[in-house]
Amino acid sequence: MLIRIVRMTFTPERVPEFLQIFRDSEHLIRQMPGCRFLELWQDAEQPTVFCTHSHWDSADALNAYRGSDLFGQVWPATKRLFAAAPVAFSVHRVDTASLPADMA
């Protein structure tokens, strides 16, 4: 499983517009093949900082979403609201039960 986190910073006046974009698209993103989980986090100390947290079956599933018409609509609409460059990373979840005992 691939876990994707994208940290985004907005100016205070842009937050409502971003939240609307997320509300309008989250159910569509969740329906994308390979998307297993999607949620939005808001920084408790910096209320203009948000993170999307998603789980994908594979990098191919995430890349298929990123090449989709939906992403082509959502990302530019969100990107124009940024107050700072986003920070994104993807990690593979490791099943520690399958590791040798001396590594777990």
PDB file of N, CA and C in Angstrom:
ATOM      1  N   MET A   1       0.843  -1.179   0.000  1.00  0.00           N
ATOM      2  CA  MET A   1       0.000   0.000   0.000  1.00  0.00           C
ATOM      3  C   MET A   1       0.889   1.244   0.000  1.00  0.00           C
ATOM      4  N   LEU A   2       0.461   2.233  -0.762  1.00  0.00           N
ATOM      5  CA  LEU A   2       1.175   3.507  -0.851  1.00  0.00           C
ATOM      6  C   LEU A   2       0.397   4.554  -0.072  1.00  0.00           C
ATOM      7  N   ILE A   3       1.085   5.255   0.796  1.00  0.00           N
ATOM      8  CA  ILE A   3       0.468   6.331   1.576  1.00  0.00           C
ATOM      9  C   ILE A   3       1.009   7.649   1.039  1.00  0.00           C
ATOM     10  N   ARG A   4       0.103   8.571   0.777  1.00  0.00           N
ATOM     11  CA  ARG A   4       0.474   9.865   0.188  1.00  0.00           C
ATOM     12  C   ARG A   4       0.003  10.973   1.120  1.00  0.00           C
ATOM     13  N   ILE A   5       0.909  11.885   1.448  1.00  0.00           N
ATOM     14  CA  ILE A   5       0.575  13.055   2.256  1.00  0.00           C
ATOM     15  C   ILE A   5       1.037  14.289   1.500  1.00  0.00           C
ATOM     16  N   VAL A   6       0.138  15.255   1.386  1.00  0.00           N
ATOM     17  CA  VAL A   6       0.450  16.518   0.719  1.00  0.00           C
ATOM     18  C   VAL A   6       0.119  17.638   1.698  1.00  0.00           C
ATOM     19  N   ARG A   7       1.145  18.423   2.059  1.00  0.00           N
ATOM     20  CA  ARG A   7       0.994  19.559   2.974  1.00  0.00           C
ATOM     21  C   ARG A   7       0.826  20.823   2.150  1.00  0.00           C
ATOM     22  N   MET A   8      -0.254  21.575   2.451  1.00  0.00           N
ATOM     23  CA  MET A   8      -0.569  22.782   1.683  1.00  0.00           C
ATOM     24  C   MET A   8      -0.822  23.944   2.630  1.00  0.00           C
ATOM     25  N   THR A   9      -0.309  25.102   2.260  1.00  0.00           N
ATOM     26  CA  THR A   9      -0.486  26.310   3.054  1.00  0.00           C
ATOM     27  C   THR A   9      -1.250  27.333   2.235  1.00  0.00           C
ATOM     28  N   PHE A  10      -2.238  27.956   2.867  1.00  0.00           N
ATOM     29  CA  PHE A  10      -3.078  28.955   2.214  1.00  0.00           C
ATOM     30  C   PHE A  10      -3.075  30.239   3.030  1.00  0.00           C
ATOM     31  N   THR A  11      -3.465  31.336   2.420  1.00  0.00           N
ATOM     32  CA  THR A  11      -3.715  32.550   3.193  1.00  0.00           C
ATOM     33  C   THR A  11      -5.107  32.406   3.816  1.00  0.00           C
ATOM     34  N   PRO A  12      -5.382  33.099   4.913  1.00  0.00           N
ATOM     35  CA  PRO A  12      -6.673  32.927   5.588  1.00  0.00           C
ATOM     36  C   PRO A  12      -7.887  33.126   4.682  1.00  0.00           C
ATOM     37  N   GLU A  13      -7.817  34.077   3.782  1.00  0.00           N
ATOM     38  CA  GLU A  13      -8.983  34.340   2.930  1.00  0.00           C
ATOM     39  C   GLU A  13      -9.193  33.246   1.873  1.00  0.00           C
ATOM     40  N   ARG A  14      -8.187  32.417   1.627  1.00  0.00           N
ATOM     41  CA  ARG A  14      -8.301  31.337   0.625  1.00  0.00           C
ATOM     42  C   ARG A  14      -8.770  30.008   1.217  1.00  0.00           C
ATOM     43  N   VAL A  15      -8.743  29.893   2.546  1.00  0.00           N
ATOM     44  CA  VAL A  15      -9.120  28.636   3.197  1.00  0.00           C
ATOM     45  C   VAL A  15     -10.545  28.206   2.839  1.00  0.00           C
ATOM     46  N   PRO A  16     -11.554  29.078   2.920  1.00  0.00           N
ATOM     47  CA  PRO A  16     -12.913  28.620   2.569  1.00  0.00           C
ATOM     48  C   PRO A  16     -13.021  28.085   1.140  1.00  0.00           C
ATOM     49  N   GLU A  17     -12.327  28.711   0.207  1.00  0.00           N
ATOM     50  CA  GLU A  17     -12.373  28.250  -1.176  1.00  0.00           C
ATOM     51  C   GLU A  17     -11.718  26.872  -1.312  1.00  0.00           C
ATOM     52  N   PHE A  18     -10.595  26.677  -0.629  1.00  0.00           N
ATOM     53  CA  PHE A  18      -9.958  25.370  -0.650  1.00  0.00           C
ATOM     54  C   PHE A  18     -10.878  24.303  -0.054  1.00  0.00           C
ATOM     55  N   LEU A  19     -11.482  24.610   1.090  1.00  0.00           N
ATOM     56  CA  LEU A  19     -12.365  23.639   1.734  1.00  0.00           C
ATOM     57  C   LEU A  19     -13.537  23.263   0.825  1.00  0.00           C
ATOM     58  N   GLN A  20     -14.041  24.207   0.075  1.00  0.00           N
ATOM     59  CA  GLN A  20     -15.129  23.913  -0.853  1.00  0.00           C
ATOM     60  C   GLN A  20     -14.657  22.987  -1.973  1.00  0.00           C
ATOM     61  N   ILE A  21     -13.470  23.249  -2.502  1.00  0.00           N
ATOM     62  CA  ILE A  21     -12.915  22.373  -3.539  1.00  0.00           C
ATOM     63  C   ILE A  21     -12.768  20.952  -2.997  1.00  0.00           C
ATOM     64  N   PHE A  22     -12.267  20.838  -1.778  1.00  0.00           N
ATOM     65  CA  PHE A  22     -12.088  19.508  -1.189  1.00  0.00           C
ATOM     66  C   PHE A  22     -13.443  18.826  -1.001  1.00  0.00           C
ATOM     67  N   ARG A  23     -14.413  19.539  -0.430  1.00  0.00           N
ATOM     68  CA  ARG A  23     -15.751  18.963  -0.232  1.00  0.00           C
ATOM     69  C   ARG A  23     -16.367  18.492  -1.545  1.00  0.00           C
ATOM     70  N   ASP A  24     -16.195  19.287  -2.592  1.00  0.00           N
ATOM     71  CA  ASP A  24     -16.785  18.955  -3.890  1.00  0.00           C
ATOM     72  C   ASP A  24     -16.119  17.763  -4.571  1.00  0.00           C
ATOM     73  N   SER A  25     -14.871  17.492  -4.238  1.00  0.00           N
ATOM     74  CA  SER A  25     -14.127  16.454  -4.961  1.00  0.00           C
ATOM     75  C   SER A  25     -13.815  15.206  -4.144  1.00  0.00           C
ATOM     76  N   GLU A  26     -13.917  15.267  -2.835  1.00  0.00           N
ATOM     77  CA  GLU A  26     -13.446  14.134  -2.030  1.00  0.00           C
ATOM     78  C   GLU A  26     -14.179  12.830  -2.349  1.00  0.00           C
ATOM     79  N   HIS A  27     -15.491  12.854  -2.539  1.00  0.00           N
ATOM     80  CA  HIS A  27     -16.206  11.616  -2.836  1.00  0.00           C
ATOM     81  C   HIS A  27     -15.809  11.061  -4.205  1.00  0.00           C
ATOM     82  N   LEU A  28     -15.470  11.941  -5.139  1.00  0.00           N
ATOM     83  CA  LEU A  28     -15.025  11.487  -6.466  1.00  0.00           C
ATOM     84  C   LEU A  28     -13.636  10.870  -6.398  1.00  0.00           C
ATOM     85  N   ILE A  29     -12.764  11.469  -5.606  1.00  0.00           N
ATOM     86  CA  ILE A  29     -11.413  10.921  -5.439  1.00  0.00           C
ATOM     87  C   ILE A  29     -11.491   9.555  -4.775  1.00  0.00           C
ATOM     88  N   ARG A  30     -12.344   9.436  -3.752  1.00  0.00           N
ATOM     89  CA  ARG A  30     -12.486   8.148  -3.052  1.00  0.00           C
ATOM     90  C   ARG A  30     -12.984   7.045  -3.978  1.00  0.00           C
ATOM     91  N   GLN A  31     -13.670   7.412  -5.050  1.00  0.00           N
ATOM     92  CA  GLN A  31     -14.192   6.429  -6.007  1.00  0.00           C
ATOM     93  C   GLN A  31     -13.160   6.047  -7.073  1.00  0.00           C
ATOM     94  N   MET A  32     -12.037   6.710  -7.101  1.00  0.00           N
ATOM     95  CA  MET A  32     -11.007   6.382  -8.092  1.00  0.00           C
ATOM     96  C   MET A  32     -10.478   4.970  -7.828  1.00  0.00           C
ATOM     97  N   PRO A  33     -10.245   4.190  -8.895  1.00  0.00           N
ATOM     98  CA  PRO A  33      -9.695   2.841  -8.703  1.00  0.00           C
ATOM     99  C   PRO A  33      -8.393   2.892  -7.911  1.00  0.00           C
ATOM    100  N   GLY A  34      -8.315   2.076  -6.881  1.00  0.00           N
ATOM    101  CA  GLY A  34      -7.103   1.992  -6.075  1.00  0.00           C
ATOM    102  C   GLY A  34      -7.060   2.907  -4.881  1.00  0.00           C
ATOM    103  N   CYS A  35      -7.993   3.859  -4.769  1.00  0.00           N
ATOM    104  CA  CYS A  35      -8.013   4.737  -3.594  1.00  0.00           C
ATOM    105  C   CYS A  35      -8.730   4.004  -2.464  1.00  0.00           C
ATOM    106  N   ARG A  36      -8.039   3.810  -1.376  1.00  0.00           N
ATOM    107  CA  ARG A  36      -8.590   3.085  -0.225  1.00  0.00           C
ATOM    108  C   ARG A  36      -8.970   3.997   0.929  1.00  0.00           C
ATOM    109  N   PHE A  37      -8.434   5.221   0.945  1.00  0.00           N
ATOM    110  CA  PHE A  37      -8.645   6.093   2.109  1.00  0.00           C
ATOM    111  C   PHE A  37      -8.282   7.505   1.705  1.00  0.00           C
ATOM    112  N   LEU A  38      -9.063   8.462   2.181  1.00  0.00           N
ATOM    113  CA  LEU A  38      -8.752   9.874   1.955  1.00  0.00           C
ATOM    114  C   LEU A  38      -9.323  10.680   3.101  1.00  0.00           C
ATOM    115  N   GLU A  39      -8.498  11.530   3.678  1.00  0.00           N
ATOM    116  CA  GLU A  39      -8.996  12.453   4.692  1.00  0.00           C
ATOM    117  C   GLU A  39      -8.186  13.739   4.636  1.00  0.00           C
ATOM    118  N   LEU A  40      -8.718  14.759   5.278  1.00  0.00           N
ATOM    119  CA  LEU A  40      -8.073  16.072   5.322  1.00  0.00           C
ATOM    120  C   LEU A  40      -7.733  16.391   6.763  1.00  0.00           C
ATOM    121  N   TRP A  41      -6.509  16.827   6.991  1.00  0.00           N
ATOM    122  CA  TRP A  41      -6.061  17.246   8.315  1.00  0.00           C
ATOM    123  C   TRP A  41      -5.838  18.750   8.302  1.00  0.00           C
ATOM    124  N   GLN A  42      -6.142  19.402   9.418  1.00  0.00           N
ATOM    125  CA  GLN A  42      -5.838  20.823   9.584  1.00  0.00           C
ATOM    126  C   GLN A  42      -4.870  20.956  10.755  1.00  0.00           C
ATOM    127  N   ASP A  43      -3.790  21.700  10.557  1.00  0.00           N
ATOM    128  CA  ASP A  43      -2.787  21.900  11.597  1.00  0.00           C
ATOM    129  C   ASP A  43      -3.432  22.623  12.781  1.00  0.00           C
ATOM    130  N   ALA A  44      -3.271  22.072  13.977  1.00  0.00           N
ATOM    131  CA  ALA A  44      -3.881  22.647  15.172  1.00  0.00           C
ATOM    132  C   ALA A  44      -3.265  23.987  15.562  1.00  0.00           C
ATOM    133  N   GLU A  45      -2.015  24.205  15.199  1.00  0.00           N
ATOM    134  CA  GLU A  45      -1.328  25.441  15.565  1.00  0.00           C
ATOM    135  C   GLU A  45      -1.265  26.456  14.433  1.00  0.00           C
ATOM    136  N   GLN A  46      -1.436  25.997  13.207  1.00  0.00           N
ATOM    137  CA  GLN A  46      -1.402  26.868  12.027  1.00  0.00           C
ATOM    138  C   GLN A  46      -2.652  26.569  11.198  1.00  0.00           C
ATOM    139  N   PRO A  47      -3.760  27.243  11.478  1.00  0.00           N
ATOM    140  CA  PRO A  47      -5.040  26.879  10.848  1.00  0.00           C
ATOM    141  C   PRO A  47      -5.130  27.120   9.344  1.00  0.00           C
ATOM    142  N   THR A  48      -4.092  27.662   8.739  1.00  0.00           N
ATOM    143  CA  THR A  48      -4.087  27.811   7.285  1.00  0.00           C
ATOM    144  C   THR A  48      -3.271  26.712   6.608  1.00  0.00           C
ATOM    145  N   VAL A  49      -2.818  25.739   7.396  1.00  0.00           N
ATOM    146  CA  VAL A  49      -2.029  24.618   6.879  1.00  0.00           C
ATOM    147  C   VAL A  49      -2.879  23.349   6.944  1.00  0.00           C
ATOM    148  N   PHE A  50      -2.971  22.672   5.808  1.00  0.00           N
ATOM    149  CA  PHE A  50      -3.755  21.451   5.690  1.00  0.00           C
ATOM    150  C   PHE A  50      -2.905  20.358   5.067  1.00  0.00           C
ATOM    151  N   CYS A  51      -3.268  19.117   5.365  1.00  0.00           N
ATOM    152  CA  CYS A  51      -2.641  17.967   4.723  1.00  0.00           C
ATOM    153  C   CYS A  51      -3.730  17.035   4.228  1.00  0.00           C
ATOM    154  N   THR A  52      -3.573  16.565   2.997  1.00  0.00           N
ATOM    155  CA  THR A  52      -4.394  15.453   2.561  1.00  0.00           C
ATOM    156  C   THR A  52      -3.614  14.185   2.861  1.00  0.00           C
ATOM    157  N   HIS A  53      -4.319  13.185   3.317  1.00  0.00           N
ATOM    158  CA  HIS A  53      -3.728  11.904   3.687  1.00  0.00           C
ATOM    159  C   HIS A  53      -4.532  10.849   2.940  1.00  0.00           C
ATOM    160  N   SER A  54      -3.871  10.126   2.045  1.00  0.00           N
ATOM    161  CA  SER A  54      -4.578   9.122   1.255  1.00  0.00           C
ATOM    162  C   SER A  54      -3.790   7.822   1.204  1.00  0.00           C
ATOM    163  N   HIS A  55      -4.520   6.721   1.001  1.00  0.00           N
ATOM    164  CA  HIS A  55      -3.920   5.397   0.843  1.00  0.00           C
ATOM    165  C   HIS A  55      -4.322   4.878  -0.529  1.00  0.00           C
ATOM    166  N   TRP A  56      -3.365   4.336  -1.246  1.00  0.00           N
ATOM    167  CA  TRP A  56      -3.564   3.824  -2.602  1.00  0.00           C
ATOM    168  C   TRP A  56      -3.052   2.396  -2.682  1.00  0.00           C
ATOM    169  N   ASP A  57      -3.688   1.596  -3.514  1.00  0.00           N
ATOM    170  CA  ASP A  57      -3.257   0.206  -3.688  1.00  0.00           C
ATOM    171  C   ASP A  57      -1.811   0.117  -4.153  1.00  0.00           C
ATOM    172  N   SER A  58      -1.402   1.081  -4.989  1.00  0.00           N
ATOM    173  CA  SER A  58      -0.055   1.028  -5.571  1.00  0.00           C
ATOM    174  C   SER A  58       0.309   2.403  -6.121  1.00  0.00           C
ATOM    175  N   ALA A  59       1.572   2.547  -6.484  1.00  0.00           N
ATOM    176  CA  ALA A  59       2.014   3.776  -7.150  1.00  0.00           C
ATOM    177  C   ALA A  59       1.303   3.929  -8.490  1.00  0.00           C
ATOM    178  N   ASP A  60       1.020   2.824  -9.155  1.00  0.00           N
ATOM    179  CA  ASP A  60       0.304   2.889 -10.429  1.00  0.00           C
ATOM    180  C   ASP A  60      -1.102   3.472 -10.247  1.00  0.00           C
ATOM    181  N   ALA A  61      -1.776   3.098  -9.161  1.00  0.00           N
ATOM    182  CA  ALA A  61      -3.120   3.625  -8.890  1.00  0.00           C
ATOM    183  C   ALA A  61      -3.055   5.133  -8.630  1.00  0.00           C
ATOM    184  N   LEU A  62      -2.073   5.553  -7.841  1.00  0.00           N
ATOM    185  CA  LEU A  62      -1.912   6.985  -7.580  1.00  0.00           C
ATOM    186  C   LEU A  62      -1.590   7.727  -8.873  1.00  0.00           C
ATOM    187  N   ASN A  63      -0.701   7.175  -9.668  1.00  0.00           N
ATOM    188  CA  ASN A  63      -0.339   7.819 -10.936  1.00  0.00           C
ATOM    189  C   ASN A  63      -1.516   7.879 -11.902  1.00  0.00           C
ATOM    190  N   ALA A  64      -2.365   6.862 -11.879  1.00  0.00           N
ATOM    191  CA  ALA A  64      -3.562   6.887 -12.727  1.00  0.00           C
ATOM    192  C   ALA A  64      -4.479   8.031 -12.291  1.00  0.00           C
ATOM    193  N   TYR A  65      -4.647   8.215 -10.989  1.00  0.00           N
ATOM    194  CA  TYR A  65      -5.437   9.352 -10.498  1.00  0.00           C
ATOM    195  C   TYR A  65      -4.789  10.662 -10.930  1.00  0.00           C
ATOM    196  N   ARG A  66      -3.476  10.765 -10.767  1.00  0.00           N
ATOM    197  CA  ARG A  66      -2.770  12.005 -11.115  1.00  0.00           C
ATOM    198  C   ARG A  66      -2.821  12.299 -12.608  1.00  0.00           C
ATOM    199  N   GLY A  67      -3.097  11.289 -13.432  1.00  0.00           N
ATOM    200  CA  GLY A  67      -3.248  11.487 -14.866  1.00  0.00           C
ATOM    201  C   GLY A  67      -4.697  11.630 -15.300  1.00  0.00           C
ATOM    202  N   SER A  68      -5.613  11.613 -14.346  1.00  0.00           N
ATOM    203  CA  SER A  68      -7.041  11.642 -14.668  1.00  0.00           C
ATOM    204  C   SER A  68      -7.561  13.063 -14.916  1.00  0.00           C
ATOM    205  N   ASP A  69      -8.709  13.134 -15.564  1.00  0.00           N
ATOM    206  CA  ASP A  69      -9.381  14.419 -15.769  1.00  0.00           C
ATOM    207  C   ASP A  69      -9.744  15.064 -14.434  1.00  0.00           C
ATOM    208  N   LEU A  70     -10.137  14.238 -13.450  1.00  0.00           N
ATOM    209  CA  LEU A  70     -10.496  14.771 -12.132  1.00  0.00           C
ATOM    210  C   LEU A  70      -9.312  15.513 -11.517  1.00  0.00           C
ATOM    211  N   PHE A  71      -8.146  14.878 -11.501  1.00  0.00           N
ATOM    212  CA  PHE A  71      -6.952  15.535 -10.971  1.00  0.00           C
ATOM    213  C   PHE A  71      -6.649  16.797 -11.776  1.00  0.00           C
ATOM    214  N   GLY A  72      -6.855  16.722 -13.087  1.00  0.00           N
ATOM    215  CA  GLY A  72      -6.619  17.869 -13.957  1.00  0.00           C
ATOM    216  C   GLY A  72      -7.520  19.055 -13.657  1.00  0.00           C
ATOM    217  N   GLN A  73      -8.614  18.816 -12.962  1.00  0.00           N
ATOM    218  CA  GLN A  73      -9.503  19.900 -12.534  1.00  0.00           C
ATOM    219  C   GLN A  73      -9.193  20.344 -11.104  1.00  0.00           C
ATOM    220  N   VAL A  74      -9.016  19.358 -10.217  1.00  0.00           N
ATOM    221  CA  VAL A  74      -8.843  19.658  -8.789  1.00  0.00           C
ATOM    222  C   VAL A  74      -7.494  20.324  -8.501  1.00  0.00           C
ATOM    223  N   TRP A  75      -6.417  19.777  -9.053  1.00  0.00           N
ATOM    224  CA  TRP A  75      -5.094  20.297  -8.714  1.00  0.00           C
ATOM    225  C   TRP A  75      -4.890  21.749  -9.158  1.00  0.00           C
ATOM    226  N   PRO A  76      -5.190  22.126 -10.387  1.00  0.00           N
ATOM    227  CA  PRO A  76      -5.000  23.536 -10.763  1.00  0.00           C
ATOM    228  C   PRO A  76      -5.862  24.489  -9.940  1.00  0.00           C
ATOM    229  N   ALA A  77      -7.081  24.074  -9.619  1.00  0.00           N
ATOM    230  CA  ALA A  77      -7.963  24.926  -8.804  1.00  0.00           C
ATOM    231  C   ALA A  77      -7.390  25.116  -7.406  1.00  0.00           C
ATOM    232  N   THR A  78      -6.787  24.057  -6.864  1.00  0.00           N
ATOM    233  CA  THR A  78      -6.177  24.132  -5.530  1.00  0.00           C
ATOM    234  C   THR A  78      -4.852  24.882  -5.594  1.00  0.00           C
ATOM    235  N   LYS A  79      -4.060  24.569  -6.587  1.00  0.00           N
ATOM    236  CA  LYS A  79      -2.713  25.147  -6.725  1.00  0.00           C
ATOM    237  C   LYS A  79      -2.736  26.677  -6.780  1.00  0.00           C
ATOM    238  N   ARG A  80      -3.745  27.238  -7.420  1.00  0.00           N
ATOM    239  CA  ARG A  80      -3.803  28.700  -7.542  1.00  0.00           C
ATOM    240  C   ARG A  80      -4.087  29.395  -6.200  1.00  0.00           C
ATOM    241  N   LEU A  81      -4.456  28.621  -5.186  1.00  0.00           N
ATOM    242  CA  LEU A  81      -4.771  29.179  -3.866  1.00  0.00           C
ATOM    243  C   LEU A  81      -3.591  29.143  -2.899  1.00  0.00           C
ATOM    244  N   PHE A  82      -2.510  28.464  -3.264  1.00  0.00           N
ATOM    245  CA  PHE A  82      -1.389  28.262  -2.342  1.00  0.00           C
ATOM    246  C   PHE A  82      -0.721  29.574  -1.932  1.00  0.00           C
ATOM    247  N   ALA A  83      -0.355  29.642  -0.654  1.00  0.00           N
ATOM    248  CA  ALA A  83       0.453  30.748  -0.149  1.00  0.00           C
ATOM    249  C   ALA A  83       1.930  30.356  -0.133  1.00  0.00           C
ATOM    250  N   ALA A  84       2.207  29.066  -0.217  1.00  0.00           N
ATOM    251  CA  ALA A  84       3.585  28.541  -0.241  1.00  0.00           C
ATOM    252  C   ALA A  84       3.566  27.261  -1.054  1.00  0.00           C
ATOM    253  N   ALA A  85       4.726  26.864  -1.516  1.00  0.00           N
ATOM    254  CA  ALA A  85       4.818  25.633  -2.296  1.00  0.00           C
ATOM    255  C   ALA A  85       4.384  24.441  -1.442  1.00  0.00           C
ATOM    256  N   PRO A  86       3.617  23.523  -2.009  1.00  0.00           N
ATOM    257  CA  PRO A  86       3.207  22.346  -1.242  1.00  0.00           C
ATOM    258  C   PRO A  86       4.385  21.402  -1.033  1.00  0.00           C
ATOM    259  N   VAL A  87       4.261  20.574  -0.021  1.00  0.00           N
ATOM    260  CA  VAL A  87       5.248  19.539   0.260  1.00  0.00           C
ATOM    261  C   VAL A  87       4.502  18.213   0.191  1.00  0.00           C
ATOM    262  N   ALA A  88       4.989  17.304  -0.628  1.00  0.00           N
ATOM    263  CA  ALA A  88       4.314  16.019  -0.798  1.00  0.00           C
ATOM    264  C   ALA A  88       5.306  14.883  -0.658  1.00  0.00           C
ATOM    265  N   PHE A  89       4.828  13.798  -0.084  1.00  0.00           N
ATOM    266  CA  PHE A  89       5.655  12.602  -0.078  1.00  0.00           C
ATOM    267  C   PHE A  89       4.775  11.369  -0.075  1.00  0.00           C
ATOM    268  N   SER A  90       5.341  10.304  -0.600  1.00  0.00           N
ATOM    269  CA  SER A  90       4.678   9.010  -0.665  1.00  0.00           C
ATOM    270  C   SER A  90       5.575   7.990   0.025  1.00  0.00           C
ATOM    271  N   VAL A  91       4.958   7.109   0.787  1.00  0.00           N
ATOM    272  CA  VAL A  91       5.699   6.055   1.470  1.00  0.00           C
ATOM    273  C   VAL A  91       4.958   4.737   1.287  1.00  0.00           C
ATOM    274  N   HIS A  92       5.712   3.664   1.265  1.00  0.00           N
ATOM    275  CA  HIS A  92       5.113   2.334   1.241  1.00  0.00           C
ATOM    276  C   HIS A  92       4.979   1.853   2.673  1.00  0.00           C
ATOM    277  N   ARG A  93       3.815   1.351   2.993  1.00  0.00           N
ATOM    278  CA  ARG A  93       3.592   0.790   4.323  1.00  0.00           C
ATOM    279  C   ARG A  93       4.286  -0.568   4.388  1.00  0.00           C
ATOM    280  N   VAL A  94       5.057  -0.780   5.422  1.00  0.00           N
ATOM    281  CA  VAL A  94       5.789  -2.032   5.592  1.00  0.00           C
ATOM    282  C   VAL A  94       5.026  -2.917   6.585  1.00  0.00           C
ATOM    283  N   ASP A  95       4.770  -4.135   6.197  1.00  0.00           N
ATOM    284  CA  ASP A  95       4.125  -5.107   7.086  1.00  0.00           C
ATOM    285  C   ASP A  95       5.214  -5.707   7.949  1.00  0.00           C
ATOM    286  N   THR A  96       5.317  -5.240   9.182  1.00  0.00           N
ATOM    287  CA  THR A  96       6.403  -5.696  10.070  1.00  0.00           C
ATOM    288  C   THR A  96       6.250  -7.170  10.450  1.00  0.00           C
ATOM    289  N   ALA A  97       5.063  -7.734  10.320  1.00  0.00           N
ATOM    290  CA  ALA A  97       4.888  -9.148  10.626  1.00  0.00           C
ATOM    291  C   ALA A  97       5.663 -10.035   9.662  1.00  0.00           C
ATOM    292  N   SER A  98       5.940  -9.502   8.475  1.00  0.00           N
ATOM    293  CA  SER A  98       6.671 -10.305   7.484  1.00  0.00           C
ATOM    294  C   SER A  98       8.178 -10.111   7.561  1.00  0.00           C
ATOM    295  N   LEU A  99       8.641  -9.232   8.442  1.00  0.00           N
ATOM    296  CA  LEU A  99      10.095  -9.024   8.587  1.00  0.00           C
ATOM    297  C   LEU A  99      10.713 -10.120   9.444  1.00  0.00           C
ATOM    298  N   PRO A 100      11.992 -10.414   9.228  1.00  0.00           N
ATOM    299  CA  PRO A 100      12.695 -11.356  10.121  1.00  0.00           C
ATOM    300  C   PRO A 100      12.657 -10.832  11.551  1.00  0.00           C
ATOM    301  N   ALA A 101      12.645 -11.734  12.502  1.00  0.00           N
ATOM    302  CA  ALA A 101      12.504 -11.359  13.930  1.00  0.00           C
ATOM    303  C   ALA A 101      13.542 -10.342  14.370  1.00  0.00           C
ATOM    304  N   ASP A 102      14.765 -10.409  13.869  1.00  0.00           N
ATOM    305  CA  ASP A 102      15.787  -9.481  14.308  1.00  0.00           C
ATOM    306  C   ASP A 102      15.628  -8.076  13.702  1.00  0.00           C
ATOM    307  N   MET A 103      14.676  -7.900  12.776  1.00  0.00           N
ATOM    308  CA  MET A 103      14.436  -6.588  12.168  1.00  0.00           C
ATOM    309  C   MET A 103      13.142  -5.956  12.655  1.00  0.00           C
ATOM    310  N   ALA A 104      12.266  -6.716  13.245  1.00  0.00           N
ATOM    311  CA  ALA A 104      10.948  -6.214  13.656  1.00  0.00           C
ATOM    312  C   ALA A 104      11.024  -5.453  14.966  1.00  0.00           C
TER     313      ALA A 104
END
